[in-house]
Protein backbone atom coordinates (compact mmCIF):
# COMPACT_ATOMS: atom_id res chain seq x y z
CA MET A 1 151.91 52.07 84.12
CA HIS A 2 153.30 49.17 82.00
CA ASN A 3 156.32 51.55 80.76
CA PHE A 4 157.09 52.47 84.62
CA ASP A 5 157.01 48.72 85.28
CA GLN A 6 159.83 48.20 82.64
CA ARG A 7 162.06 50.53 84.30
CA ARG A 8 161.26 50.06 88.27
CA ASP A 9 164.60 48.73 88.72
CA ARG A 10 166.13 52.22 87.05
CA PHE A 11 163.83 53.74 89.69
CA ASP A 12 165.08 51.65 92.72
CA LEU A 13 168.27 52.69 91.89
CA PHE A 14 168.04 56.21 91.65
CA ASP A 15 165.53 56.76 94.44
CA ARG A 16 168.13 55.33 96.95
CA MET A 17 170.47 58.27 96.20
CA ASP A 18 170.77 61.37 98.24
CA SER A 19 169.60 63.24 95.33
CA PRO A 20 167.87 61.45 92.40
CA ALA A 21 167.37 64.50 90.30
CA VAL A 22 168.62 64.95 86.86
CA ASN A 23 168.94 68.56 85.46
CA LEU A 24 169.75 69.45 81.87
CA CYS A 25 169.98 72.91 80.83
CA PHE A 26 170.26 73.37 76.79
CA PRO A 27 169.30 75.73 74.06
CA LEU A 28 165.83 74.91 72.89
CA ASP A 29 165.10 75.51 69.30
CA LEU A 30 161.49 76.35 68.29
CA PRO A 31 159.54 77.77 65.31
CA ASP A 32 159.49 81.50 65.90
CA TYR A 33 155.98 81.82 66.98
CA ARG A 34 155.63 85.25 68.28
CA PRO A 35 154.33 86.84 64.93
CA TRP A 36 151.53 84.49 64.89
CA CYS A 37 150.86 85.29 68.72
CA LYS A 38 150.78 89.09 67.73
CA GLU A 39 148.54 88.23 64.89
CA GLN A 40 146.11 86.44 67.17
CA GLY A 41 146.56 88.63 70.27
CA LEU A 42 148.03 85.95 72.51
CA PRO A 43 151.01 86.85 74.78
CA PRO A 44 153.85 84.31 74.09
CA PHE A 45 154.94 83.54 77.26
CA HIS A 46 151.39 82.03 78.04
CA VAL A 47 151.12 80.31 74.75
CA LEU A 48 154.40 78.65 75.36
CA LEU A 49 153.36 77.42 78.79
CA CYS A 50 150.56 75.73 77.09
CA ALA A 51 152.67 74.26 74.87
CA VAL A 52 155.38 72.98 77.51
CA LEU A 53 152.70 71.40 79.59
CA ARG A 54 150.53 69.82 76.48
CA ALA A 55 153.96 68.55 75.89
CA ILE A 56 154.37 67.29 79.28
CA LEU A 57 151.21 65.42 79.29
CA GLY A 58 152.10 63.67 76.27
CA ILE A 59 155.22 61.86 77.62
CA GLU A 60 154.23 59.31 80.28
CA ASN A 61 157.45 59.51 82.28
CA PHE A 62 156.92 63.16 82.96
CA ARG A 63 153.43 62.15 84.63
CA TYR A 64 154.92 59.78 87.07
CA ARG A 65 154.93 60.95 90.69
CA VAL A 66 155.46 59.31 94.16
CA PHE A 67 152.54 59.25 96.32
CA GLU A 68 152.26 57.46 99.79
CA GLY A 69 155.24 55.49 98.76
CA GLU A 70 154.01 54.48 95.50
CA VAL A 71 154.43 55.33 92.05
CA ILE A 72 151.41 56.69 90.40
CA ALA A 73 150.65 58.34 86.94
CA ILE A 74 148.89 61.50 86.72
CA ASP A 75 146.39 62.19 84.31
CA ARG A 76 145.76 66.22 84.23
CA LEU A 77 148.11 69.03 85.25
CA MET A 78 147.51 72.39 87.38
CA PRO A 79 149.40 74.75 85.87
CA SER A 80 151.43 77.13 87.97
CA PHE A 81 154.18 79.59 87.35
CA THR A 82 156.33 82.21 89.30
CA VAL A 83 155.80 85.96 88.64
CA VAL A 84 157.37 89.02 89.84
CA ASN A 85 154.92 91.44 91.96
CA GLN A 86 155.02 95.16 92.38
CA ASN A 87 157.98 94.78 94.89
CA GLY A 88 160.04 93.00 92.85
CA ASP A 89 159.34 89.67 94.72
CA LEU A 90 158.74 86.42 93.35
CA ASN A 91 154.90 85.12 93.83
CA PHE A 92 153.27 82.19 92.52
CA ALA A 93 150.39 82.26 89.91
CA LEU A 94 148.00 79.08 89.91
CA PHE A 95 144.89 78.14 87.83
CA ASP A 96 142.85 75.26 86.41
CA TRP A 97 143.54 74.02 83.27
CA SER A 98 141.66 74.26 79.98
CA ASP A 99 142.24 72.17 76.74
CA ASP A 100 141.20 75.42 74.60
CA LEU A 101 144.22 77.60 73.84
CA ARG A 102 142.58 80.98 74.30
CA GLU A 103 140.86 79.94 77.47
CA PHE A 104 143.99 78.57 78.74
CA VAL A 105 145.75 81.88 77.94
CA ALA A 106 142.91 84.11 79.54
CA ARG A 107 143.16 81.92 82.99
CA SER A 108 146.97 82.26 83.04
CA VAL A 109 146.60 85.84 82.61
CA ARG A 110 143.85 86.24 85.14
CA ALA A 111 146.52 84.25 87.73
CA ARG A 112 149.32 86.24 86.65
CA GLU A 113 147.71 89.68 87.34
CA GLN A 114 146.27 88.44 90.52
CA ALA A 115 149.99 87.14 91.79
CA CYS A 116 151.41 90.28 90.62
CA ALA A 117 149.21 92.50 92.72
CA MET A 118 149.73 90.29 95.77
CA THR A 119 152.42 91.58 98.25
CA ALA A 120 152.06 88.29 100.58
CA LEU A 121 153.02 85.15 99.21
CA ASN A 122 150.28 83.42 97.38
CA ASN A 123 149.10 80.57 99.57
CA ALA A 124 146.63 79.05 97.45
CA TYR A 125 148.86 75.87 97.37
CA ALA A 126 148.11 75.35 101.11
CA ASP A 127 144.70 74.40 100.45
CA LEU A 128 145.53 71.57 97.92
CA SER A 129 145.73 67.98 99.38
CA ALA A 130 148.79 66.21 99.19
CA ARG A 131 147.37 64.11 96.01
CA ARG A 132 146.06 67.60 94.47
CA CYS A 133 149.88 68.89 95.02
CA LYS A 134 151.05 65.85 92.72
CA ASP A 135 149.53 67.51 89.66
CA GLN A 136 151.51 69.84 89.64
CA VAL A 137 154.76 71.06 87.43
CA PHE A 138 157.06 73.92 88.80
CA ILE A 139 157.56 76.49 85.84
CA THR A 140 159.76 79.76 85.97
CA CYS A 141 161.05 82.24 83.46
CA ILE A 142 163.65 84.16 83.49
CA PRO A 143 163.43 86.52 80.66
CA TRP A 144 166.35 89.03 81.18
CA LEU A 145 168.82 85.99 81.28
CA ASP A 146 170.56 83.28 78.71
CA PHE A 147 171.44 81.00 81.41
CA THR A 148 173.29 78.19 80.58
CA ALA A 149 172.73 76.37 84.30
CA ILE A 150 170.16 76.71 87.14
CA GLN A 151 169.71 74.90 90.31
CA HIS A 152 165.88 74.07 91.40
CA PRO A 153 164.80 74.19 94.89
CA THR A 154 163.49 70.94 96.13
CA ALA A 155 161.35 71.01 99.55
CA THR A 156 162.83 67.32 99.98
CA LEU A 157 166.20 66.72 98.25
CA GLY A 158 165.42 63.08 98.03
CA ALA A 159 161.91 63.60 96.44
CA PRO A 160 162.16 65.58 93.27
CA ASP A 161 159.48 63.70 91.89
CA ILE A 162 157.60 66.87 90.50
CA PRO A 163 159.35 68.18 87.49
CA SER A 164 160.98 71.64 87.35
CA LEU A 165 161.06 73.36 84.36
CA ALA A 166 162.65 77.14 83.59
CA TRP A 167 163.39 78.90 80.04
CA GLY A 168 165.18 82.29 79.62
CA ARG A 169 165.72 85.24 77.11
CA PHE A 170 164.58 84.46 73.57
CA LYS A 171 167.01 85.09 70.87
CA ASP A 172 166.55 85.22 67.40
CA ALA A 173 167.90 82.17 65.24
CA PRO A 174 168.08 81.66 61.40
CA ASN A 175 165.48 80.49 59.09
CA GLY A 176 162.67 81.68 61.15
CA ARG A 177 163.55 80.10 64.22
CA LEU A 178 164.38 81.14 67.94
CA GLN A 179 166.00 79.88 70.74
CA LEU A 180 166.02 79.96 74.41
CA PRO A 181 167.90 78.18 77.56
CA LEU A 182 165.67 75.66 78.85
CA SER A 183 166.16 73.68 82.16
CA VAL A 184 164.30 70.49 83.04
CA GLN A 185 164.80 68.85 86.10
CA ALA A 186 163.11 65.35 87.25
CA HIS A 187 163.09 62.18 89.12
CA HIS A 188 165.87 60.28 87.19
CA GLY A 189 164.16 57.14 87.94
CA PHE A 190 161.37 58.55 85.65
CA VAL A 191 162.91 60.47 83.23
CA ASP A 192 166.34 60.03 81.48
CA GLY A 193 168.14 62.56 78.71
CA PHE A 194 166.33 60.59 76.06
CA HIS A 195 162.90 61.60 77.62
CA ILE A 196 164.08 65.43 77.88
CA HIS A 197 165.03 65.04 74.33
CA GLN A 198 161.41 64.11 73.44
CA LEU A 199 160.05 66.67 75.37
CA ALA A 200 162.26 69.47 73.30
CA LEU A 201 160.99 67.94 70.25
CA ARG A 202 157.38 67.78 71.29
CA ILE A 203 157.37 71.33 72.48
CA GLY A 204 158.12 72.90 69.15
CA ALA A 205 155.72 70.38 67.49
CA GLU A 206 152.90 71.51 69.84
CA LEU A 207 153.79 75.21 68.70
CA ALA A 208 153.57 74.31 65.04
CA GLY A 209 150.39 72.65 65.32
CA MET A 210 148.98 75.59 67.18
CA MET A 211 150.09 77.72 64.21
CA GLN A 212 148.17 75.73 61.53
CA PRO A 213 145.55 77.18 59.99
CA ARG A 214 142.29 75.72 61.25
CA ALA A 215 139.79 74.32 58.43
């Protein structure tokens, strides 16, 4: 929490505002990891989800939360993301973290299948304690659209302490790269544009690390 203590005055400034959220949407440049996923038999969305969440865990500012009026730093994440069910309606997939990529993907795929098969809204969140809810990051994927802006919903306008991320349609880029629109929303008392820049770099580094041959 040493880093937060250095920016507590920034937190106090933005937290007094009606909406302290910062939301940036930009084209994210990444190594094209899709051929590697095909070789490994891994679905690209779930691999990218793992890379994004690992990157978030690696940047302290994205781990700050407000709980019972105090700022805390979480040390784990509960992966969750949106899916489309059989009726074309949104639902939520939720699962337990794993440090192992293949196990992470397997759990993520199972959670997606379960949520997609449900017609009612997945209410697993209702069973979480208030503290456990703070371990989340809200993730959505809109693979049909190359969007340029997004408004994330927030339960309380003045409390956007749980980051919300969304990405859209992949498109090929030169030199073995790919691009996709990425939206990052977070509490501006915790996160500045510089930290979002760090996150973008770290997501690419996480993917590159996954593709490195193992000795």
